[in-house]
């Protein structure tokens, strides 16, 4: 998402491509599913089906990339976007904030 704010036109193309050819990202989707299952086992997120978790994360990320390509998302918005993704997966605000502090 940060890259999308730096190069909006390129990210707009990537987001449109991802929507048009969803099987291209199947390897990344598999890794995301693994990460979500592990996070659920560790009680860091809600125990939701991995397909649902994938849809939530990928949907939000692609929509945010599109917003960035249209100039509606700035680099300063990225931490809030990541917090929204984490919370949509069932992380508490406190947990999401702690994660953001670690990665920033």
PDB file of N, CA and C in Angstrom:
ATOM      1  N   UNK A   1       0.825  -1.191   0.000  1.00  0.00           N
ATOM      2  CA  UNK A   1       0.000   0.000   0.000  1.00  0.00           C
ATOM      3  C   UNK A   1       0.864   1.246   0.000  1.00  0.00           C
ATOM      4  N   UNK A   2       1.974   1.178   0.729  1.00  0.00           N
ATOM      5  CA  UNK A   2       2.872   2.335   0.729  1.00  0.00           C
ATOM      6  C   UNK A   2       3.390   2.581  -0.687  1.00  0.00           C
ATOM      7  N   UNK A   3       3.751   1.502  -1.385  1.00  0.00           N
ATOM      8  CA  UNK A   3       4.227   1.633  -2.763  1.00  0.00           C
ATOM      9  C   UNK A   3       3.151   2.268  -3.640  1.00  0.00           C
ATOM     10  N   UNK A   4       1.896   1.944  -3.371  1.00  0.00           N
ATOM     11  CA  UNK A   4       0.801   2.507  -4.158  1.00  0.00           C
ATOM     12  C   UNK A   4       0.745   4.022  -4.016  1.00  0.00           C
ATOM     13  N   UNK A   5       1.082   4.530  -2.843  1.00  0.00           N
ATOM     14  CA  UNK A   5       1.061   5.984  -2.652  1.00  0.00           C
ATOM     15  C   UNK A   5       2.254   6.640  -3.332  1.00  0.00           C
ATOM     16  N   UNK A   6       3.338   5.883  -3.538  1.00  0.00           N
ATOM     17  CA  UNK A   6       4.532   6.428  -4.191  1.00  0.00           C
ATOM     18  C   UNK A   6       4.415   6.405  -5.717  1.00  0.00           C
ATOM     19  N   UNK A   7       3.744   5.395  -6.231  1.00  0.00           N
ATOM     20  CA  UNK A   7       3.624   5.246  -7.680  1.00  0.00           C
ATOM     21  C   UNK A   7       2.182   4.877  -8.021  1.00  0.00           C
ATOM     22  N   UNK A   8       1.260   5.821  -7.886  1.00  0.00           N
ATOM     23  CA  UNK A   8      -0.166   5.530  -8.036  1.00  0.00           C
ATOM     24  C   UNK A   8      -0.573   4.921  -9.372  1.00  0.00           C
ATOM     25  N   UNK A   9      -0.007   5.365 -10.467  1.00  0.00           N
ATOM     26  CA  UNK A   9      -0.416   4.837 -11.772  1.00  0.00           C
ATOM     27  C   UNK A   9      -0.040   3.375 -11.921  1.00  0.00           C
ATOM     28  N   UNK A  10       1.154   3.021 -11.480  1.00  0.00           N
ATOM     29  CA  UNK A  10       1.583   1.624 -11.553  1.00  0.00           C
ATOM     30  C   UNK A  10       0.691   0.760 -10.678  1.00  0.00           C
ATOM     31  N   UNK A  11       0.393   1.209  -9.476  1.00  0.00           N
ATOM     32  CA  UNK A  11      -0.441   0.428  -8.563  1.00  0.00           C
ATOM     33  C   UNK A  11      -1.868   0.304  -9.066  1.00  0.00           C
ATOM     34  N   UNK A  12      -2.357   1.334  -9.742  1.00  0.00           N
ATOM     35  CA  UNK A  12      -3.678   1.230 -10.342  1.00  0.00           C
ATOM     36  C   UNK A  12      -3.728   0.108 -11.364  1.00  0.00           C
ATOM     37  N   UNK A  13      -2.670   0.000 -12.149  1.00  0.00           N
ATOM     38  CA  UNK A  13      -2.566  -1.075 -13.133  1.00  0.00           C
ATOM     39  C   UNK A  13      -2.505  -2.436 -12.439  1.00  0.00           C
ATOM     40  N   UNK A  14      -1.707  -2.547 -11.389  1.00  0.00           N
ATOM     41  CA  UNK A  14      -1.595  -3.805 -10.645  1.00  0.00           C
ATOM     42  C   UNK A  14      -2.948  -4.198 -10.060  1.00  0.00           C
ATOM     43  N   UNK A  15      -3.652  -3.249  -9.462  1.00  0.00           N
ATOM     44  CA  UNK A  15      -4.953  -3.549  -8.860  1.00  0.00           C
ATOM     45  C   UNK A  15      -5.952  -4.019  -9.917  1.00  0.00           C
ATOM     46  N   UNK A  16      -5.999  -3.337 -11.057  1.00  0.00           N
ATOM     47  CA  UNK A  16      -6.917  -3.747 -12.126  1.00  0.00           C
ATOM     48  C   UNK A  16      -6.544  -5.130 -12.664  1.00  0.00           C
ATOM     49  N   UNK A  17      -5.256  -5.393 -12.799  1.00  0.00           N
ATOM     50  CA  UNK A  17      -4.792  -6.692 -13.280  1.00  0.00           C
ATOM     51  C   UNK A  17      -5.183  -7.784 -12.294  1.00  0.00           C
ATOM     52  N   UNK A  18      -4.998  -7.528 -11.007  1.00  0.00           N
ATOM     53  CA  UNK A  18      -5.323  -8.519  -9.984  1.00  0.00           C
ATOM     54  C   UNK A  18      -6.814  -8.863  -9.998  1.00  0.00           C
ATOM     55  N   UNK A  19      -7.671  -7.856 -10.203  1.00  0.00           N
ATOM     56  CA  UNK A  19      -9.117  -8.123 -10.280  1.00  0.00           C
ATOM     57  C   UNK A  19      -9.451  -8.932 -11.534  1.00  0.00           C
ATOM     58  N   UNK A  20      -8.759  -8.665 -12.623  1.00  0.00           N
ATOM     59  CA  UNK A  20      -9.060  -9.326 -13.887  1.00  0.00           C
ATOM     60  C   UNK A  20      -8.531 -10.759 -13.954  1.00  0.00           C
ATOM     61  N   UNK A  21      -7.414 -11.019 -13.284  1.00  0.00           N
ATOM     62  CA  UNK A  21      -6.768 -12.331 -13.340  1.00  0.00           C
ATOM     63  C   UNK A  21      -6.444 -12.826 -11.928  1.00  0.00           C
ATOM     64  N   UNK A  22      -7.462 -13.195 -11.152  1.00  0.00           N
ATOM     65  CA  UNK A  22      -7.240 -13.548  -9.751  1.00  0.00           C
ATOM     66  C   UNK A  22      -6.363 -14.775  -9.528  1.00  0.00           C
ATOM     67  N   UNK A  23      -6.269 -15.683 -10.500  1.00  0.00           N
ATOM     68  CA  UNK A  23      -5.454 -16.875 -10.300  1.00  0.00           C
ATOM     69  C   UNK A  23      -3.959 -16.572 -10.344  1.00  0.00           C
ATOM     70  N   UNK A  24      -3.578 -15.425 -10.888  1.00  0.00           N
ATOM     71  CA  UNK A  24      -2.158 -15.057 -10.970  1.00  0.00           C
ATOM     72  C   UNK A  24      -1.548 -14.998  -9.566  1.00  0.00           C
ATOM     73  N   UNK A  25      -2.293 -14.525  -8.602  1.00  0.00           N
ATOM     74  CA  UNK A  25      -1.786 -14.381  -7.243  1.00  0.00           C
ATOM     75  C   UNK A  25      -2.046 -15.589  -6.364  1.00  0.00           C
ATOM     76  N   UNK A  26      -2.253 -16.759  -6.957  1.00  0.00           N
ATOM     77  CA  UNK A  26      -2.614 -17.929  -6.156  1.00  0.00           C
ATOM     78  C   UNK A  26      -1.518 -18.329  -5.175  1.00  0.00           C
ATOM     79  N   UNK A  27      -0.249 -18.188  -5.536  1.00  0.00           N
ATOM     80  CA  UNK A  27       0.837 -18.523  -4.601  1.00  0.00           C
ATOM     81  C   UNK A  27       0.820 -17.569  -3.412  1.00  0.00           C
ATOM     82  N   UNK A  28       0.673 -16.288  -3.679  1.00  0.00           N
ATOM     83  CA  UNK A  28       0.605 -15.308  -2.591  1.00  0.00           C
ATOM     84  C   UNK A  28      -0.631 -15.543  -1.735  1.00  0.00           C
ATOM     85  N   UNK A  29      -1.728 -15.903  -2.362  1.00  0.00           N
ATOM     86  CA  UNK A  29      -2.959 -16.182  -1.630  1.00  0.00           C
ATOM     87  C   UNK A  29      -2.777 -17.384  -0.700  1.00  0.00           C
ATOM     88  N   UNK A  30      -2.069 -18.385  -1.176  1.00  0.00           N
ATOM     89  CA  UNK A  30      -1.785 -19.560  -0.343  1.00  0.00           C
ATOM     90  C   UNK A  30      -0.938 -19.203   0.873  1.00  0.00           C
ATOM     91  N   UNK A  31       0.062 -18.361   0.655  1.00  0.00           N
ATOM     92  CA  UNK A  31       0.903 -17.916   1.774  1.00  0.00           C
ATOM     93  C   UNK A  31       0.095 -17.078   2.761  1.00  0.00           C
ATOM     94  N   UNK A  32      -0.783 -16.239   2.238  1.00  0.00           N
ATOM     95  CA  UNK A  32      -1.640 -15.441   3.103  1.00  0.00           C
ATOM     96  C   UNK A  32      -2.542 -16.352   3.930  1.00  0.00           C
ATOM     97  N   UNK A  33      -3.111 -17.381   3.306  1.00  0.00           N
ATOM     98  CA  UNK A  33      -3.954 -18.337   4.039  1.00  0.00           C
ATOM     99  C   UNK A  33      -3.176 -18.985   5.173  1.00  0.00           C
ATOM    100  N   UNK A  34      -1.936 -19.380   4.887  1.00  0.00           N
ATOM    101  CA  UNK A  34      -1.087 -19.982   5.926  1.00  0.00           C
ATOM    102  C   UNK A  34      -0.871 -19.006   7.077  1.00  0.00           C
ATOM    103  N   UNK A  35      -0.569 -17.756   6.739  1.00  0.00           N
ATOM    104  CA  UNK A  35      -0.346 -16.735   7.773  1.00  0.00           C
ATOM    105  C   UNK A  35      -1.597 -16.509   8.606  1.00  0.00           C
ATOM    106  N   UNK A  36      -2.749 -16.476   7.952  1.00  0.00           N
ATOM    107  CA  UNK A  36      -4.004 -16.251   8.673  1.00  0.00           C
ATOM    108  C   UNK A  36      -4.329 -17.422   9.594  1.00  0.00           C
ATOM    109  N   UNK A  37      -4.099 -18.648   9.122  1.00  0.00           N
ATOM    110  CA  UNK A  37      -4.331 -19.821   9.983  1.00  0.00           C
ATOM    111  C   UNK A  37      -3.408 -19.793  11.197  1.00  0.00           C
ATOM    112  N   UNK A  38      -2.154 -19.447  10.978  1.00  0.00           N
ATOM    113  CA  UNK A  38      -1.203 -19.370  12.086  1.00  0.00           C
ATOM    114  C   UNK A  38      -1.611 -18.282  13.080  1.00  0.00           C
ATOM    115  N   UNK A  39      -2.008 -17.127  12.587  1.00  0.00           N
ATOM    116  CA  UNK A  39      -2.442 -16.030  13.459  1.00  0.00           C
ATOM    117  C   UNK A  39      -3.678 -16.433  14.255  1.00  0.00           C
ATOM    118  N   UNK A  40      -4.592 -17.165  13.636  1.00  0.00           N
ATOM    119  CA  UNK A  40      -5.790 -17.624  14.338  1.00  0.00           C
ATOM    120  C   UNK A  40      -5.421 -18.639  15.417  1.00  0.00           C
ATOM    121  N   UNK A  41      -4.499 -19.562  15.105  1.00  0.00           N
ATOM    122  CA  UNK A  41      -4.051 -20.543  16.107  1.00  0.00           C
ATOM    123  C   UNK A  41      -3.418 -19.857  17.314  1.00  0.00           C
ATOM    124  N   UNK A  42      -2.704 -18.760  17.046  1.00  0.00           N
ATOM    125  CA  UNK A  42      -2.055 -18.006  18.117  1.00  0.00           C
ATOM    126  C   UNK A  42      -3.009 -17.029  18.801  1.00  0.00           C
ATOM    127  N   UNK A  43      -4.280 -17.053  18.380  1.00  0.00           N
ATOM    128  CA  UNK A  43      -5.325 -16.181  18.951  1.00  0.00           C
ATOM    129  C   UNK A  43      -5.023 -14.700  18.729  1.00  0.00           C
ATOM    130  N   UNK A  44      -4.317 -14.393  17.647  1.00  0.00           N
ATOM    131  CA  UNK A  44      -4.015 -12.994  17.326  1.00  0.00           C
ATOM    132  C   UNK A  44      -5.118 -12.367  16.483  1.00  0.00           C
ATOM    133  N   UNK A  45      -5.874 -13.207  15.782  1.00  0.00           N
ATOM    134  CA  UNK A  45      -7.039 -12.763  15.020  1.00  0.00           C
ATOM    135  C   UNK A  45      -8.169 -13.747  15.296  1.00  0.00           C
ATOM    136  N   UNK A  46      -9.354 -13.406  14.827  1.00  0.00           N
ATOM    137  CA  UNK A  46     -10.506 -14.291  14.989  1.00  0.00           C
ATOM    138  C   UNK A  46     -10.294 -15.568  14.173  1.00  0.00           C
ATOM    139  N   UNK A  47     -10.883 -16.640  14.626  1.00  0.00           N
ATOM    140  CA  UNK A  47     -10.800 -17.906  13.911  1.00  0.00           C
ATOM    141  C   UNK A  47     -11.804 -17.934  12.775  1.00  0.00           C
ATOM    142  N   UNK A  48     -11.509 -17.232  11.698  1.00  0.00           N
ATOM    143  CA  UNK A  48     -12.408 -17.197  10.545  1.00  0.00           C
ATOM    144  C   UNK A  48     -11.854 -18.119   9.466  1.00  0.00           C
ATOM    145  N   UNK A  49     -12.702 -18.627   8.591  1.00  0.00           N
ATOM    146  CA  UNK A  49     -12.202 -19.476   7.499  1.00  0.00           C
ATOM    147  C   UNK A  49     -11.155 -18.726   6.675  1.00  0.00           C
ATOM    148  N   UNK A  50     -10.128 -19.444   6.243  1.00  0.00           N
ATOM    149  CA  UNK A  50      -9.028 -18.794   5.528  1.00  0.00           C
ATOM    150  C   UNK A  50      -9.503 -18.151   4.222  1.00  0.00           C
ATOM    151  N   UNK A  51     -10.488 -18.753   3.555  1.00  0.00           N
ATOM    152  CA  UNK A  51     -10.997 -18.132   2.321  1.00  0.00           C
ATOM    153  C   UNK A  51     -11.627 -16.777   2.616  1.00  0.00           C
ATOM    154  N   UNK A  52     -12.339 -16.687   3.727  1.00  0.00           N
ATOM    155  CA  UNK A  52     -12.947 -15.417   4.110  1.00  0.00           C
ATOM    156  C   UNK A  52     -11.862 -14.407   4.481  1.00  0.00           C
ATOM    157  N   UNK A  53     -10.865 -14.834   5.254  1.00  0.00           N
ATOM    158  CA  UNK A  53      -9.759 -13.941   5.614  1.00  0.00           C
ATOM    159  C   UNK A  53      -9.029 -13.435   4.385  1.00  0.00           C
ATOM    160  N   UNK A  54      -8.763 -14.331   3.435  1.00  0.00           N
ATOM    161  CA  UNK A  54      -8.117 -13.926   2.184  1.00  0.00           C
ATOM    162  C   UNK A  54      -8.950 -12.881   1.457  1.00  0.00           C
ATOM    163  N   UNK A  55     -10.242 -13.139   1.357  1.00  0.00           N
ATOM    164  CA  UNK A  55     -11.119 -12.208   0.645  1.00  0.00           C
ATOM    165  C   UNK A  55     -11.110 -10.840   1.318  1.00  0.00           C
ATOM    166  N   UNK A  56     -11.130 -10.818   2.633  1.00  0.00           N
ATOM    167  CA  UNK A  56     -11.119  -9.552   3.372  1.00  0.00           C
ATOM    168  C   UNK A  56      -9.828  -8.789   3.102  1.00  0.00           C
ATOM    169  N   UNK A  57      -8.700  -9.456   3.293  1.00  0.00           N
ATOM    170  CA  UNK A  57      -7.401  -8.790   3.134  1.00  0.00           C
ATOM    171  C   UNK A  57      -7.192  -8.345   1.683  1.00  0.00           C
ATOM    172  N   UNK A  58      -7.374  -9.253   0.752  1.00  0.00           N
ATOM    173  CA  UNK A  58      -7.120  -8.925  -0.653  1.00  0.00           C
ATOM    174  C   UNK A  58      -8.092  -7.854  -1.141  1.00  0.00           C
ATOM    175  N   UNK A  59      -9.339  -7.970  -0.746  1.00  0.00           N
ATOM    176  CA  UNK A  59     -10.321  -6.963  -1.154  1.00  0.00           C
ATOM    177  C   UNK A  59      -9.966  -5.574  -0.658  1.00  0.00           C
ATOM    178  N   UNK A  60      -9.599  -5.485   0.614  1.00  0.00           N
ATOM    179  CA  UNK A  60      -9.231  -4.182   1.172  1.00  0.00           C
ATOM    180  C   UNK A  60      -7.975  -3.648   0.499  1.00  0.00           C
ATOM    181  N   UNK A  61      -6.962  -4.487   0.357  1.00  0.00           N
ATOM    182  CA  UNK A  61      -5.700  -4.033  -0.235  1.00  0.00           C
ATOM    183  C   UNK A  61      -5.919  -3.551  -1.670  1.00  0.00           C
ATOM    184  N   UNK A  62      -6.647  -4.322  -2.459  1.00  0.00           N
ATOM    185  CA  UNK A  62      -6.867  -3.910  -3.847  1.00  0.00           C
ATOM    186  C   UNK A  62      -7.683  -2.623  -3.927  1.00  0.00           C
ATOM    187  N   UNK A  63      -8.676  -2.498  -3.074  1.00  0.00           N
ATOM    188  CA  UNK A  63      -9.466  -1.266  -3.072  1.00  0.00           C
ATOM    189  C   UNK A  63      -8.607  -0.075  -2.663  1.00  0.00           C
ATOM    190  N   UNK A  64      -7.734  -0.264  -1.685  1.00  0.00           N
ATOM    191  CA  UNK A  64      -6.849   0.818  -1.262  1.00  0.00           C
ATOM    192  C   UNK A  64      -5.843   1.174  -2.346  1.00  0.00           C
ATOM    193  N   UNK A  65      -5.360   0.157  -3.065  1.00  0.00           N
ATOM    194  CA  UNK A  65      -4.439   0.435  -4.170  1.00  0.00           C
ATOM    195  C   UNK A  65      -5.147   1.247  -5.246  1.00  0.00           C
ATOM    196  N   UNK A  66      -6.395   0.904  -5.514  1.00  0.00           N
ATOM    197  CA  UNK A  66      -7.159   1.678  -6.492  1.00  0.00           C
ATOM    198  C   UNK A  66      -7.362   3.109  -6.018  1.00  0.00           C
ATOM    199  N   UNK A  67      -7.676   3.267  -4.730  1.00  0.00           N
ATOM    200  CA  UNK A  67      -7.860   4.609  -4.173  1.00  0.00           C
ATOM    201  C   UNK A  67      -6.574   5.411  -4.294  1.00  0.00           C
ATOM    202  N   UNK A  68      -5.436   4.768  -4.043  1.00  0.00           N
ATOM    203  CA  UNK A  68      -4.148   5.457  -4.172  1.00  0.00           C
ATOM    204  C   UNK A  68      -3.900   5.867  -5.615  1.00  0.00           C
ATOM    205  N   UNK A  69      -4.273   4.987  -6.552  1.00  0.00           N
ATOM    206  CA  UNK A  69      -4.048   5.315  -7.968  1.00  0.00           C
ATOM    207  C   UNK A  69      -4.894   6.498  -8.409  1.00  0.00           C
ATOM    208  N   UNK A  70      -5.978   6.754  -7.693  1.00  0.00           N
ATOM    209  CA  UNK A  70      -6.846   7.888  -8.002  1.00  0.00           C
ATOM    210  C   UNK A  70      -6.498   9.119  -7.163  1.00  0.00           C
ATOM    211  N   UNK A  71      -5.433   9.005  -6.350  1.00  0.00           N
ATOM    212  CA  UNK A  71      -5.001  10.127  -5.525  1.00  0.00           C
ATOM    213  C   UNK A  71      -5.798  10.301  -4.245  1.00  0.00           C
ATOM    214  N   UNK A  72      -6.565   9.279  -3.862  1.00  0.00           N
ATOM    215  CA  UNK A  72      -7.404   9.371  -2.669  1.00  0.00           C
ATOM    216  C   UNK A  72      -6.802   8.705  -1.437  1.00  0.00           C
ATOM    217  N   UNK A  73      -5.571   8.250  -1.523  1.00  0.00           N
ATOM    218  CA  UNK A  73      -4.874   7.622  -0.401  1.00  0.00           C
ATOM    219  C   UNK A  73      -3.451   8.164  -0.378  1.00  0.00           C
ATOM    220  N   UNK A  74      -3.031   8.630   0.761  1.00  0.00           N
ATOM    221  CA  UNK A  74      -1.688   9.187   0.925  1.00  0.00           C
ATOM    222  C   UNK A  74      -0.847   8.225   1.759  1.00  0.00           C
ATOM    223  N   UNK A  75       0.449   8.395   1.723  1.00  0.00           N
ATOM    224  CA  UNK A  75       1.343   7.562   2.515  1.00  0.00           C
ATOM    225  C   UNK A  75       1.006   7.601   3.995  1.00  0.00           C
ATOM    226  N   UNK A  76       0.566   8.742   4.468  1.00  0.00           N
ATOM    227  CA  UNK A  76       0.216   8.867   5.887  1.00  0.00           C
ATOM    228  C   UNK A  76      -1.030   8.069   6.255  1.00  0.00           C
ATOM    229  N   UNK A  77      -1.798   7.620   5.257  1.00  0.00           N
ATOM    230  CA  UNK A  77      -3.000   6.823   5.497  1.00  0.00           C
ATOM    231  C   UNK A  77      -2.694   5.335   5.665  1.00  0.00           C
ATOM    232  N   UNK A  78      -1.521   4.900   5.266  1.00  0.00           N
ATOM    233  CA  UNK A  78      -1.191   3.478   5.260  1.00  0.00           C
ATOM    234  C   UNK A  78      -1.296   2.852   6.653  1.00  0.00           C
ATOM    235  N   UNK A  79      -0.751   3.451   7.725  1.00  0.00           N
ATOM    236  CA  UNK A  79      -0.913   2.819   9.035  1.00  0.00           C
ATOM    237  C   UNK A  79      -2.379   2.616   9.427  1.00  0.00           C
ATOM    238  N   UNK A  80      -3.218   3.580   9.143  1.00  0.00           N
ATOM    239  CA  UNK A  80      -4.648   3.430   9.450  1.00  0.00           C
ATOM    240  C   UNK A  80      -5.262   2.307   8.616  1.00  0.00           C
ATOM    241  N   UNK A  81      -4.829   2.173   7.378  1.00  0.00           N
ATOM    242  CA  UNK A  81      -5.344   1.113   6.514  1.00  0.00           C
ATOM    243  C   UNK A  81      -4.933  -0.257   7.053  1.00  0.00           C
ATOM    244  N   UNK A  82      -3.693  -0.387   7.484  1.00  0.00           N
ATOM    245  CA  UNK A  82      -3.233  -1.655   8.047  1.00  0.00           C
ATOM    246  C   UNK A  82      -3.996  -1.963   9.333  1.00  0.00           C
ATOM    247  N   UNK A  83      -4.214  -0.945  10.152  1.00  0.00           N
ATOM    248  CA  UNK A  83      -5.004  -1.130  11.378  1.00  0.00           C
ATOM    249  C   UNK A  83      -6.405  -1.631  11.021  1.00  0.00           C
ATOM    250  N   UNK A  84      -7.007  -1.065   9.993  1.00  0.00           N
ATOM    251  CA  UNK A  84      -8.353  -1.480   9.580  1.00  0.00           C
ATOM    252  C   UNK A  84      -8.358  -2.944   9.136  1.00  0.00           C
ATOM    253  N   UNK A  85      -7.334  -3.347   8.402  1.00  0.00           N
ATOM    254  CA  UNK A  85      -7.248  -4.748   7.970  1.00  0.00           C
ATOM    255  C   UNK A  85      -7.136  -5.660   9.181  1.00  0.00           C
ATOM    256  N   UNK A  86      -6.234  -5.341  10.089  1.00  0.00           N
ATOM    257  CA  UNK A  86      -6.045  -6.179  11.276  1.00  0.00           C
ATOM    258  C   UNK A  86      -7.319  -6.274  12.106  1.00  0.00           C
ATOM    259  N   UNK A  87      -7.985  -5.147  12.276  1.00  0.00           N
ATOM    260  CA  UNK A  87      -9.213  -5.152  13.069  1.00  0.00           C
ATOM    261  C   UNK A  87     -10.340  -5.890  12.343  1.00  0.00           C
ATOM    262  N   UNK A  88     -10.366  -5.831  11.024  1.00  0.00           N
ATOM    263  CA  UNK A  88     -11.398  -6.557  10.280  1.00  0.00           C
ATOM    264  C   UNK A  88     -11.214  -8.065  10.422  1.00  0.00           C
ATOM    265  N   UNK A  89      -9.999  -8.478  10.735  1.00  0.00           N
ATOM    266  CA  UNK A  89      -9.711  -9.899  10.939  1.00  0.00           C
ATOM    267  C   UNK A  89      -9.931 -10.332  12.389  1.00  0.00           C
ATOM    268  N   UNK A  90     -10.302  -9.379  13.237  1.00  0.00           N
ATOM    269  CA  UNK A  90     -10.613  -9.724  14.621  1.00  0.00           C
ATOM    270  C   UNK A  90      -9.559  -9.322  15.628  1.00  0.00           C
ATOM    271  N   UNK A  91      -8.484  -8.672  15.195  1.00  0.00           N
ATOM    272  CA  UNK A  91      -7.493  -8.175  16.148  1.00  0.00           C
ATOM    273  C   UNK A  91      -8.117  -7.012  16.917  1.00  0.00           C
ATOM    274  N   UNK A  92      -7.801  -6.919  18.184  1.00  0.00           N
ATOM    275  CA  UNK A  92      -8.294  -5.788  18.955  1.00  0.00           C
ATOM    276  C   UNK A  92      -7.519  -4.545  18.542  1.00  0.00           C
ATOM    277  N   UNK A  93      -8.072  -3.400  18.873  1.00  0.00           N
ATOM    278  CA  UNK A  93      -7.382  -2.143  18.553  1.00  0.00           C
ATOM    279  C   UNK A  93      -6.004  -2.127  19.217  1.00  0.00           C
ATOM    280  N   UNK A  94      -5.937  -2.617  20.436  1.00  0.00           N
ATOM    281  CA  UNK A  94      -4.663  -2.650  21.168  1.00  0.00           C
ATOM    282  C   UNK A  94      -3.636  -3.533  20.448  1.00  0.00           C
ATOM    283  N   UNK A  95      -4.085  -4.724  20.021  1.00  0.00           N
ATOM    284  CA  UNK A  95      -3.178  -5.621  19.296  1.00  0.00           C
ATOM    285  C   UNK A  95      -2.741  -5.010  17.967  1.00  0.00           C
ATOM    286  N   UNK A  96      -3.679  -4.418  17.253  1.00  0.00           N
ATOM    287  CA  UNK A  96      -3.359  -3.802  15.962  1.00  0.00           C
ATOM    288  C   UNK A  96      -2.366  -2.658  16.149  1.00  0.00           C
ATOM    289  N   UNK A  97      -2.552  -1.868  17.200  1.00  0.00           N
ATOM    290  CA  UNK A  97      -1.624  -0.770  17.485  1.00  0.00           C
ATOM    291  C   UNK A  97      -0.236  -1.300  17.796  1.00  0.00           C
ATOM    292  N   UNK A  98      -0.166  -2.365  18.573  1.00  0.00           N
ATOM    293  CA  UNK A  98       1.139  -2.964  18.908  1.00  0.00           C
ATOM    294  C   UNK A  98       1.850  -3.474  17.662  1.00  0.00           C
ATOM    295  N   UNK A  99       1.095  -4.077  16.764  1.00  0.00           N
ATOM    296  CA  UNK A  99       1.680  -4.563  15.518  1.00  0.00           C
ATOM    297  C   UNK A  99       2.194  -3.391  14.686  1.00  0.00           C
ATOM    298  N   UNK A 100       1.408  -2.334  14.595  1.00  0.00           N
ATOM    299  CA  UNK A 100       1.821  -1.159  13.829  1.00  0.00           C
ATOM    300  C   UNK A 100       3.098  -0.554  14.404  1.00  0.00           C
ATOM    301  N   UNK A 101       3.210  -0.502  15.707  1.00  0.00           N
ATOM    302  CA  UNK A 101       4.427   0.056  16.323  1.00  0.00           C
ATOM    303  C   UNK A 101       5.648  -0.783  15.961  1.00  0.00           C
ATOM    304  N   UNK A 102       5.469  -2.108  15.887  1.00  0.00           N
ATOM    305  CA  UNK A 102       6.596  -2.979  15.547  1.00  0.00           C
ATOM    306  C   UNK A 102       7.036  -2.791  14.106  1.00  0.00           C
ATOM    307  N   UNK A 103       6.084  -2.639  13.191  1.00  0.00           N
ATOM    308  CA  UNK A 103       6.473  -2.578  11.789  1.00  0.00           C
ATOM    309  C   UNK A 103       6.853  -1.170  11.344  1.00  0.00           C
ATOM    310  N   UNK A 104       6.463  -0.165  12.098  1.00  0.00           N
ATOM    311  CA  UNK A 104       6.866   1.190  11.750  1.00  0.00           C
ATOM    312  C   UNK A 104       8.224   1.457  12.352  1.00  0.00           C
TER     313      UNK A 104
END
